[in-house]
């Protein structure tokens, strides 16, 4: 199992696992809004690529929100296990 050191990737993964209040998965902009710190879109994209490479999150389906199609980011089973272990 991949173990993340406490830091931004862990915070991002926890935010993705938590999801939206209605139980749906979040898109990039929703993740940015939910994070407890300010960051740029390019920075979060870099972190998401790292989490995808580690097998902790994956790109999901397209969803239409705010007049645009947006791809959701969802945790993998491994991602759920990692959050549960921390």
Protein backbone atom coordinates (compact mmCIF):
# COMPACT_ATOMS: atom_id res chain seq x y z
CA UNK A 1 0.00 0.00 0.00
CA UNK A 2 1.27 3.47 -0.83
CA UNK A 3 1.83 5.59 2.23
CA UNK A 4 1.81 9.36 1.84
CA UNK A 5 3.74 11.59 4.17
CA UNK A 6 1.64 14.26 5.81
CA UNK A 7 1.46 17.17 3.42
CA UNK A 8 -0.40 18.63 0.51
CA UNK A 9 -0.97 15.36 -1.35
CA UNK A 10 -2.50 13.85 1.78
CA UNK A 11 -4.75 16.89 2.22
CA UNK A 12 -5.81 16.72 -1.44
CA UNK A 13 -6.52 12.98 -1.20
CA UNK A 14 -8.59 13.50 1.97
CA UNK A 15 -10.55 16.26 0.21
CA UNK A 16 -11.24 14.02 -2.80
CA UNK A 17 -12.35 11.10 -0.61
CA UNK A 18 -14.67 13.40 1.36
CA UNK A 19 -16.33 14.57 -1.88
CA UNK A 20 -19.17 17.04 -2.13
CA UNK A 21 -21.78 17.45 0.64
CA UNK A 22 -24.33 15.70 -1.60
CA UNK A 23 -22.05 12.65 -1.93
CA UNK A 24 -20.94 13.28 -5.52
CA UNK A 25 -17.34 13.38 -6.68
CA UNK A 26 -15.66 16.74 -7.19
CA UNK A 27 -14.19 18.36 -10.27
CA UNK A 28 -10.94 20.33 -10.21
CA UNK A 29 -12.55 23.66 -9.31
CA UNK A 30 -14.55 22.09 -6.48
CA UNK A 31 -11.41 20.49 -5.07
CA UNK A 32 -9.66 23.87 -5.19
CA UNK A 33 -12.55 25.48 -3.29
CA UNK A 34 -12.63 22.72 -0.67
CA UNK A 35 -8.93 22.76 0.18
CA UNK A 36 -8.02 24.42 3.49
CA UNK A 37 -5.20 26.38 1.82
CA UNK A 38 -4.86 28.56 -1.29
CA UNK A 39 -3.10 27.14 -4.31
CA UNK A 40 -3.06 27.59 -8.06
CA UNK A 41 -4.83 25.44 -10.61
CA UNK A 42 -1.50 24.38 -12.14
CA UNK A 43 -0.17 23.36 -8.72
CA UNK A 44 -3.20 21.19 -7.97
CA UNK A 45 -2.95 19.61 -11.44
CA UNK A 46 0.66 18.67 -10.70
CA UNK A 47 -0.37 17.08 -7.39
CA UNK A 48 -3.27 15.24 -9.03
CA UNK A 49 -0.94 13.76 -11.67
CA UNK A 50 1.26 12.47 -8.83
CA UNK A 51 -1.75 10.95 -7.04
CA UNK A 52 -2.91 9.33 -10.30
CA UNK A 53 0.58 7.90 -10.87
CA UNK A 54 0.50 6.42 -7.34
CA UNK A 55 -2.87 4.81 -8.12
CA UNK A 56 -4.74 6.76 -5.45
CA UNK A 57 -7.13 8.76 -7.65
CA UNK A 58 -8.41 8.55 -11.21
CA UNK A 59 -10.20 10.71 -13.70
CA UNK A 60 -13.90 9.99 -13.79
CA UNK A 61 -16.80 10.85 -16.02
CA UNK A 62 -17.60 14.23 -17.54
CA UNK A 63 -20.25 16.24 -15.76
CA UNK A 64 -21.99 19.40 -16.95
CA UNK A 65 -21.70 22.16 -14.33
CA UNK A 66 -21.77 25.95 -14.62
CA UNK A 67 -22.23 25.79 -18.39
CA UNK A 68 -19.16 23.62 -18.97
CA UNK A 69 -18.25 19.96 -19.13
CA UNK A 70 -15.96 19.12 -16.24
CA UNK A 71 -14.18 15.88 -15.46
CA UNK A 72 -14.60 14.58 -11.94
CA UNK A 73 -11.70 13.21 -9.92
CA UNK A 74 -12.48 10.19 -7.83
CA UNK A 75 -10.52 8.09 -5.36
CA UNK A 76 -9.57 4.54 -6.19
CA UNK A 77 -10.02 1.68 -3.76
CA UNK A 78 -6.35 2.14 -2.90
CA UNK A 79 -7.01 5.82 -2.23
CA UNK A 80 -9.82 4.98 0.18
CA UNK A 81 -7.55 2.47 1.96
CA UNK A 82 -4.78 5.04 2.28
CA UNK A 83 -7.09 7.62 3.85
CA UNK A 84 -8.51 5.04 6.22
CA UNK A 85 -4.99 4.05 7.30
CA UNK A 86 -4.03 7.61 8.24
